[in-house]
C-alpha atoms as a PDB file:
ATOM      1  CA  UNK A   1      77.000 104.151 102.329  1.00  0.00           C
ATOM      2  CA  UNK A   2      79.259 104.894 105.264  1.00  0.00           C
ATOM      3  CA  UNK A   3      79.157 108.626 105.977  1.00  0.00           C
ATOM      4  CA  UNK A   4      81.687 108.496 108.820  1.00  0.00           C
ATOM      5  CA  UNK A   5      84.562 110.776 107.888  1.00  0.00           C
ATOM      6  CA  UNK A   6      87.024 109.086 110.281  1.00  0.00           C
ATOM      7  CA  UNK A   7      88.814 107.440 107.359  1.00  0.00           C
ATOM      8  CA  UNK A   8      92.063 109.360 107.152  1.00  0.00           C
ATOM      9  CA  UNK A   9      93.997 109.036 103.929  1.00  0.00           C
ATOM     10  CA  UNK A  10      97.537 110.119 103.086  1.00  0.00           C
ATOM     11  CA  UNK A  11      97.868 112.799 100.394  1.00  0.00           C
ATOM     12  CA  UNK A  12      99.683 110.378  98.069  1.00  0.00           C
ATOM     13  CA  UNK A  13      99.458 106.651  97.429  1.00  0.00           C
ATOM     14  CA  UNK A  14     102.655 105.396  95.783  1.00  0.00           C
ATOM     15  CA  UNK A  15     101.840 102.962  92.986  1.00  0.00           C
ATOM     16  CA  UNK A  16     103.964  99.863  93.564  1.00  0.00           C
ATOM     17  CA  UNK A  17     103.963  98.760  89.936  1.00  0.00           C
ATOM     18  CA  UNK A  18     107.073  96.642  90.313  1.00  0.00           C
ATOM     19  CA  UNK A  19     108.382  93.182  91.124  1.00  0.00           C
ATOM     20  CA  UNK A  20     108.069  91.903  94.685  1.00  0.00           C
ATOM     21  CA  UNK A  21     111.844  92.006  95.162  1.00  0.00           C
ATOM     22  CA  UNK A  22     111.834  95.756  94.531  1.00  0.00           C
ATOM     23  CA  UNK A  23     109.155  96.580  97.097  1.00  0.00           C
ATOM     24  CA  UNK A  24     111.164  96.219 100.308  1.00  0.00           C
ATOM     25  CA  UNK A  25     114.041  98.461  99.199  1.00  0.00           C
ATOM     26  CA  UNK A  26     111.552 101.044  97.915  1.00  0.00           C
ATOM     27  CA  UNK A  27     109.667 101.113 101.222  1.00  0.00           C
ATOM     28  CA  UNK A  28     112.944 101.513 103.092  1.00  0.00           C
ATOM     29  CA  UNK A  29     113.769 104.555 100.960  1.00  0.00           C
ATOM     30  CA  UNK A  30     110.355 106.099 101.654  1.00  0.00           C
ATOM     31  CA  UNK A  31     110.174 105.166 105.340  1.00  0.00           C
ATOM     32  CA  UNK A  32     108.711 107.832 107.610  1.00  0.00           C
ATOM     33  CA  UNK A  33     107.004 109.865 104.881  1.00  0.00           C
ATOM     34  CA  UNK A  34     103.241 110.476 104.910  1.00  0.00           C
ATOM     35  CA  UNK A  35     102.509 108.114 102.043  1.00  0.00           C
ATOM     36  CA  UNK A  36     100.160 105.247 101.332  1.00  0.00           C
ATOM     37  CA  UNK A  37     100.800 102.281  99.063  1.00  0.00           C
ATOM     38  CA  UNK A  38      98.803 101.335  95.992  1.00  0.00           C
ATOM     39  CA  UNK A  39      98.913  97.663  95.088  1.00  0.00           C
ATOM     40  CA  UNK A  40      97.656  96.870  91.610  1.00  0.00           C
ATOM     41  CA  UNK A  41      97.063  93.701  89.660  1.00  0.00           C
ATOM     42  CA  UNK A  42     100.715  93.146  88.749  1.00  0.00           C
ATOM     43  CA  UNK A  43     101.973  93.009  92.319  1.00  0.00           C
ATOM     44  CA  UNK A  44      98.886  91.351  93.804  1.00  0.00           C
ATOM     45  CA  UNK A  45      99.016  88.457  91.355  1.00  0.00           C
ATOM     46  CA  UNK A  46     102.719  87.987  92.088  1.00  0.00           C
ATOM     47  CA  UNK A  47     102.392  88.004  95.851  1.00  0.00           C
ATOM     48  CA  UNK A  48      98.837  87.274  96.977  1.00  0.00           C
ATOM     49  CA  UNK A  49      96.825  88.365 100.011  1.00  0.00           C
ATOM     50  CA  UNK A  50      99.393  87.606 102.722  1.00  0.00           C
ATOM     51  CA  UNK A  51     101.831  90.108 101.238  1.00  0.00           C
ATOM     52  CA  UNK A  52      99.069  92.733 101.139  1.00  0.00           C
ATOM     53  CA  UNK A  53      98.382  92.106 104.838  1.00  0.00           C
ATOM     54  CA  UNK A  54     102.053  92.752 105.569  1.00  0.00           C
ATOM     55  CA  UNK A  55     101.986  96.021 103.649  1.00  0.00           C
ATOM     56  CA  UNK A  56      98.768  97.105 105.376  1.00  0.00           C
ATOM     57  CA  UNK A  57     100.479  96.676 108.742  1.00  0.00           C
ATOM     58  CA  UNK A  58     103.122  99.151 107.596  1.00  0.00           C
ATOM     59  CA  UNK A  59     101.135 101.862 105.761  1.00  0.00           C
ATOM     60  CA  UNK A  60      97.640 102.611 104.434  1.00  0.00           C
ATOM     61  CA  UNK A  61      97.014 100.374 101.418  1.00  0.00           C
ATOM     62  CA  UNK A  62      94.845 101.014  98.387  1.00  0.00           C
ATOM     63  CA  UNK A  63      94.245  97.660  96.647  1.00  0.00           C
ATOM     64  CA  UNK A  64      93.457  98.483  93.041  1.00  0.00           C
ATOM     65  CA  UNK A  65      91.891  95.404  91.444  1.00  0.00           C
ATOM     66  CA  UNK A  66      88.941  97.081  89.680  1.00  0.00           C
ATOM     67  CA  UNK A  67      86.386  94.403  90.493  1.00  0.00           C
ATOM     68  CA  UNK A  68      83.772  93.771  87.805  1.00  0.00           C
ATOM     69  CA  UNK A  69      81.665  90.600  87.742  1.00  0.00           C
ATOM     70  CA  UNK A  70      78.197  89.414  88.683  1.00  0.00           C
ATOM     71  CA  UNK A  71      76.974  90.963  91.962  1.00  0.00           C
ATOM     72  CA  UNK A  72      77.363  87.906  94.213  1.00  0.00           C
ATOM     73  CA  UNK A  73      80.890  87.181  93.020  1.00  0.00           C
ATOM     74  CA  UNK A  74      82.024  90.772  93.503  1.00  0.00           C
ATOM     75  CA  UNK A  75      80.429  91.011  96.953  1.00  0.00           C
ATOM     76  CA  UNK A  76      82.173  87.820  98.102  1.00  0.00           C
ATOM     77  CA  UNK A  77      85.529  88.975  96.758  1.00  0.00           C
ATOM     78  CA  UNK A  78      85.088  92.406  98.329  1.00  0.00           C
ATOM     79  CA  UNK A  79      84.384  90.905 101.744  1.00  0.00           C
ATOM     80  CA  UNK A  80      87.654  88.953 101.543  1.00  0.00           C
ATOM     81  CA  UNK A  81      89.525  92.095 100.501  1.00  0.00           C
ATOM     82  CA  UNK A  82      88.140  94.005 103.483  1.00  0.00           C
ATOM     83  CA  UNK A  83      89.646  91.375 105.789  1.00  0.00           C
ATOM     84  CA  UNK A  84      93.157  92.138 104.480  1.00  0.00           C
ATOM     85  CA  UNK A  85      93.302  95.411 106.384  1.00  0.00           C
ATOM     86  CA  UNK A  86      93.374  97.665 103.332  1.00  0.00           C
ATOM     87  CA  UNK A  87      91.694 101.080 103.364  1.00  0.00           C
ATOM     88  CA  UNK A  88      90.436 101.243  99.788  1.00  0.00           C
ATOM     89  CA  UNK A  89      89.673  98.991  96.848  1.00  0.00           C
ATOM     90  CA  UNK A  90      88.336  99.728  93.394  1.00  0.00           C
ATOM     91  CA  UNK A  91      85.296  98.544  91.480  1.00  0.00           C
ATOM     92  CA  UNK A  92      84.172  99.419  87.981  1.00  0.00           C
ATOM     93  CA  UNK A  93      81.108 101.656  88.100  1.00  0.00           C
ATOM     94  CA  UNK A  94      80.125 100.096  84.774  1.00  0.00           C
ATOM     95  CA  UNK A  95      79.409  96.875  86.707  1.00  0.00           C
ATOM     96  CA  UNK A  96      75.866  98.118  87.147  1.00  0.00           C
ATOM     97  CA  UNK A  97      73.340  99.015  89.801  1.00  0.00           C
ATOM     98  CA  UNK A  98      72.909  95.637  91.510  1.00  0.00           C
ATOM     99  CA  UNK A  99      76.655  95.164  91.912  1.00  0.00           C
ATOM    100  CA  UNK A 100      77.192  98.686  93.247  1.00  0.00           C
ATOM    101  CA  UNK A 101      74.292  98.583  95.703  1.00  0.00           C
ATOM    102  CA  UNK A 102      75.576  95.308  97.133  1.00  0.00           C
ATOM    103  CA  UNK A 103      79.008  96.814  97.694  1.00  0.00           C
ATOM    104  CA  UNK A 104      77.660  99.929  99.413  1.00  0.00           C
ATOM    105  CA  UNK A 105      76.283  97.701 102.179  1.00  0.00           C
ATOM    106  CA  UNK A 106      79.789  96.331 102.839  1.00  0.00           C
ATOM    107  CA  UNK A 107      81.516  99.662 103.495  1.00  0.00           C
ATOM    108  CA  UNK A 108      82.960 100.326 106.955  1.00  0.00           C
ATOM    109  CA  UNK A 109      84.416 103.439 108.590  1.00  0.00           C
ATOM    110  CA  UNK A 110      87.928 102.106 107.932  1.00  0.00           C
ATOM    111  CA  UNK A 111      87.259 100.527 104.521  1.00  0.00           C
ATOM    112  CA  UNK A 112      85.748 102.124 101.449  1.00  0.00           C
ATOM    113  CA  UNK A 113      85.129 101.295  97.821  1.00  0.00           C
ATOM    114  CA  UNK A 114      86.237 103.586  95.032  1.00  0.00           C
ATOM    115  CA  UNK A 115      84.111 103.494  91.907  1.00  0.00           C
ATOM    116  CA  UNK A 116      86.173 103.764  88.733  1.00  0.00           C
ATOM    117  CA  UNK A 117      84.483 105.889  86.113  1.00  0.00           C
ATOM    118  CA  UNK A 118      86.736 106.384  83.062  1.00  0.00           C
ATOM    119  CA  UNK A 119      90.353 105.222  83.018  1.00  0.00           C
ATOM    120  CA  UNK A 120      92.904 108.006  82.626  1.00  0.00           C
ATOM    121  CA  UNK A 121      94.298 106.234  79.554  1.00  0.00           C
ATOM    122  CA  UNK A 122      90.932 106.538  77.760  1.00  0.00           C
ATOM    123  CA  UNK A 123      90.247 109.154  75.099  1.00  0.00           C
ATOM    124  CA  UNK A 124      87.379 109.823  72.696  1.00  0.00           C
ATOM    125  CA  UNK A 125      88.597 107.223  70.197  1.00  0.00           C
ATOM    126  CA  UNK A 126      88.744 104.588  72.948  1.00  0.00           C
ATOM    127  CA  UNK A 127      85.152 105.318  73.994  1.00  0.00           C
ATOM    128  CA  UNK A 128      84.028 105.185  70.352  1.00  0.00           C
ATOM    129  CA  UNK A 129      85.542 101.723  70.050  1.00  0.00           C
ATOM    130  CA  UNK A 130      83.498 100.595  73.059  1.00  0.00           C
ATOM    131  CA  UNK A 131      80.266 101.949  71.588  1.00  0.00           C
ATOM    132  CA  UNK A 132      79.866 104.600  74.299  1.00  0.00           C
ATOM    133  CA  UNK A 133      77.668 107.451  73.110  1.00  0.00           C
ATOM    134  CA  UNK A 134      78.664 110.298  75.427  1.00  0.00           C
ATOM    135  CA  UNK A 135      80.494 113.044  73.516  1.00  0.00           C
ATOM    136  CA  UNK A 136      83.651 112.995  75.640  1.00  0.00           C
ATOM    137  CA  UNK A 137      85.289 111.060  78.502  1.00  0.00           C
ATOM    138  CA  UNK A 138      84.209 113.692  81.022  1.00  0.00           C
ATOM    139  CA  UNK A 139      80.527 113.261  80.243  1.00  0.00           C
ATOM    140  CA  UNK A 140      80.791 109.488  80.497  1.00  0.00           C
ATOM    141  CA  UNK A 141      82.607 109.854  83.823  1.00  0.00           C
ATOM    142  CA  UNK A 142      79.775 112.038  85.143  1.00  0.00           C
ATOM    143  CA  UNK A 143      77.202 109.473  84.015  1.00  0.00           C
ATOM    144  CA  UNK A 144      78.971 106.669  85.890  1.00  0.00           C
ATOM    145  CA  UNK A 145      79.548 108.933  88.895  1.00  0.00           C
ATOM    146  CA  UNK A 146      75.821 109.609  89.183  1.00  0.00           C
ATOM    147  CA  UNK A 147      75.066 105.893  88.939  1.00  0.00           C
ATOM    148  CA  UNK A 148      77.549 104.891  91.649  1.00  0.00           C
ATOM    149  CA  UNK A 149      76.534 107.770  93.893  1.00  0.00           C
ATOM    150  CA  UNK A 150      72.850 106.885  93.562  1.00  0.00           C
ATOM    151  CA  UNK A 151      73.753 103.315  94.552  1.00  0.00           C
ATOM    152  CA  UNK A 152      75.299 104.529  97.809  1.00  0.00           C
ATOM    153  CA  UNK A 153      79.034 104.558  97.126  1.00  0.00           C
ATOM    154  CA  UNK A 154      80.989 107.478  98.529  1.00  0.00           C
ATOM    155  CA  UNK A 155      84.402 107.133  96.902  1.00  0.00           C
ATOM    156  CA  UNK A 156      85.530 107.616  93.325  1.00  0.00           C
ATOM    157  CA  UNK A 157      88.562 107.405  91.083  1.00  0.00           C
ATOM    158  CA  UNK A 158      88.604 110.146  88.494  1.00  0.00           C
ATOM    159  CA  UNK A 159      91.074 112.072  86.380  1.00  0.00           C
ATOM    160  CA  UNK A 160      92.267 115.560  87.364  1.00  0.00           C
ATOM    161  CA  UNK A 161      90.046 116.977  84.627  1.00  0.00           C
ATOM    162  CA  UNK A 162      86.858 115.581  86.202  1.00  0.00           C
ATOM    163  CA  UNK A 163      87.508 116.042  89.913  1.00  0.00           C
ATOM    164  CA  UNK A 164      86.414 119.692  90.211  1.00  0.00           C
ATOM    165  CA  UNK A 165      83.099 119.035  88.483  1.00  0.00           C
ATOM    166  CA  UNK A 166      82.406 115.938  90.560  1.00  0.00           C
ATOM    167  CA  UNK A 167      83.460 117.647  93.794  1.00  0.00           C
ATOM    168  CA  UNK A 168      80.902 120.366  93.055  1.00  0.00           C
ATOM    169  CA  UNK A 169      78.227 117.693  92.681  1.00  0.00           C
ATOM    170  CA  UNK A 170      79.124 115.917  95.901  1.00  0.00           C
ATOM    171  CA  UNK A 171      81.402 117.578  98.414  1.00  0.00           C
ATOM    172  CA  UNK A 172      81.316 114.762 101.012  1.00  0.00           C
ATOM    173  CA  UNK A 173      82.823 112.112  98.727  1.00  0.00           C
ATOM    174  CA  UNK A 174      86.367 110.787  98.509  1.00  0.00           C
ATOM    175  CA  UNK A 175      88.099 111.492  95.218  1.00  0.00           C
ATOM    176  CA  UNK A 176      91.316 109.608  94.488  1.00  0.00           C
ATOM    177  CA  UNK A 177      93.082 110.943  91.443  1.00  0.00           C
ATOM    178  CA  UNK A 178      95.644 109.192  89.234  1.00  0.00           C
ATOM    179  CA  UNK A 179      97.118 110.766  86.118  1.00  0.00           C
ATOM    180  CA  UNK A 180      99.260 113.110  88.226  1.00  0.00           C
ATOM    181  CA  UNK A 181     102.750 114.123  87.139  1.00  0.00           C
ATOM    182  CA  UNK A 182     105.081 116.779  88.576  1.00  0.00           C
ATOM    183  CA  UNK A 183     105.908 119.555  86.120  1.00  0.00           C
ATOM    184  CA  UNK A 184     108.426 118.285  83.588  1.00  0.00           C
ATOM    185  CA  UNK A 185     107.852 114.581  84.278  1.00  0.00           C
ATOM    186  CA  UNK A 186     107.168 112.125  81.456  1.00  0.00           C
ATOM    187  CA  UNK A 187     103.500 111.507  80.643  1.00  0.00           C
ATOM    188  CA  UNK A 188     104.106 107.735  80.311  1.00  0.00           C
ATOM    189  CA  UNK A 189     100.773 106.055  79.402  1.00  0.00           C
ATOM    190  CA  UNK A 190      98.546 108.756  80.896  1.00  0.00           C
ATOM    191  CA  UNK A 191      96.641 111.055  78.533  1.00  0.00           C
ATOM    192  CA  UNK A 192      94.750 113.278  81.000  1.00  0.00           C
ATOM    193  CA  UNK A 193      97.171 114.570  83.603  1.00  0.00           C
ATOM    194  CA  UNK A 194      97.820 117.432  86.051  1.00  0.00           C
ATOM    195  CA  UNK A 195     100.473 118.464  88.555  1.00  0.00           C
ATOM    196  CA  UNK A 196     100.023 117.413  92.203  1.00  0.00           C
ATOM    197  CA  UNK A 197      99.192 120.944  93.363  1.00  0.00           C
ATOM    198  CA  UNK A 198      96.680 121.450  90.558  1.00  0.00           C
ATOM    199  CA  UNK A 199      94.924 118.146  91.264  1.00  0.00           C
ATOM    200  CA  UNK A 200      94.582 118.924  94.973  1.00  0.00           C
ATOM    201  CA  UNK A 201      93.391 122.451  94.225  1.00  0.00           C
ATOM    202  CA  UNK A 202      90.698 120.981  91.971  1.00  0.00           C
ATOM    203  CA  UNK A 203      89.353 118.910  94.881  1.00  0.00           C
ATOM    204  CA  UNK A 204      91.204 115.592  94.989  1.00  0.00           C
ATOM    205  CA  UNK A 205      91.274 113.846  98.384  1.00  0.00           C
ATOM    206  CA  UNK A 206      94.390 111.795  97.594  1.00  0.00           C
ATOM    207  CA  UNK A 207      96.637 111.284  94.588  1.00  0.00           C
ATOM    208  CA  UNK A 208      98.104 108.160  93.014  1.00  0.00           C
ATOM    209  CA  UNK A 209     101.671 108.666  91.810  1.00  0.00           C
ATOM    210  CA  UNK A 210     103.952 105.890  90.634  1.00  0.00           C
ATOM    211  CA  UNK A 211     106.870 106.263  88.267  1.00  0.00           C
ATOM    212  CA  UNK A 212     107.702 109.907  89.092  1.00  0.00           C
ATOM    213  CA  UNK A 213     108.594 108.547  92.545  1.00  0.00           C
ATOM    214  CA  UNK A 214     109.545 104.907  92.042  1.00  0.00           C
ATOM    215  CA  UNK A 215     111.650 105.459  88.901  1.00  0.00           C
ATOM    216  CA  UNK A 216     113.285 108.662  90.100  1.00  0.00           C
ATOM    217  CA  UNK A 217     117.030 108.685  90.675  1.00  0.00           C
ATOM    218  CA  UNK A 218     116.260 109.423  94.328  1.00  0.00           C
ATOM    219  CA  UNK A 219     112.710 108.262  95.177  1.00  0.00           C
ATOM    220  CA  UNK A 220     112.732 109.833  98.635  1.00  0.00           C
ATOM    221  CA  UNK A 221     113.725 113.261  97.341  1.00  0.00           C
ATOM    222  CA  UNK A 222     111.096 113.007  94.592  1.00  0.00           C
ATOM    223  CA  UNK A 223     108.400 112.057  97.117  1.00  0.00           C
ATOM    224  CA  UNK A 224     109.413 114.832  99.502  1.00  0.00           C
ATOM    225  CA  UNK A 225     109.195 117.385  96.689  1.00  0.00           C
ATOM    226  CA  UNK A 226     105.705 116.196  95.758  1.00  0.00           C
ATOM    227  CA  UNK A 227     104.513 116.312  99.371  1.00  0.00           C
ATOM    228  CA  UNK A 228     105.958 119.818  99.754  1.00  0.00           C
ATOM    229  CA  UNK A 229     104.155 120.925  96.592  1.00  0.00           C
ATOM    230  CA  UNK A 230     100.881 119.554  97.948  1.00  0.00           C
ATOM    231  CA  UNK A 231     101.422 121.188 101.344  1.00  0.00           C
ATOM    232  CA  UNK A 232     101.928 124.528  99.632  1.00  0.00           C
ATOM    233  CA  UNK A 233      99.032 124.358  97.201  1.00  0.00           C
ATOM    234  CA  UNK A 234      96.559 126.097  99.519  1.00  0.00           C
END
């Protein structure tokens, strides 16, 4: 695991869950703000690696593909992702020890993996359907956190409800937190949410926020309000 703390992340990664044609105008609206960009499966599969390289030249990029396959396949894919210039990419902690240990050896001071524990859309019924025995999503998240941490990974994706507990277990880690909504915003498909200030106060390193910014009537004003809330949380 890379212990170098020189990786500097913006407080918010804006989830670009949109068509390629919408990205340029959105970035123009947000230009100059201290924001990163999260590229997920939808946009990546539309545009491919060259588009991600272009985005990474403009702002810090979090490429959220949630890798999960046999260890050699994931390691090869991860090495190609690192060459795109992105700062972060995700892997499923449930991929197992061999996969996670192989990835830990690929981390660099300017490139880190984030282990995904439990998706923020998951609830107890969802875990039951998967045959997972832990009594609640938080306990399962802690189990996967311990596994990934033992394997040498130093970054994690977790819900606002888990971040304080995990931060107490490992203060030197990166915690990127989705499921964040400003007060009064729609929950959309997230079931375990918090406000930006609350998530940062609980110990998040960076937040992922999409529709409250990108679907706002004025995305720049919405982003500025969120950044101001974060700046004032402490």
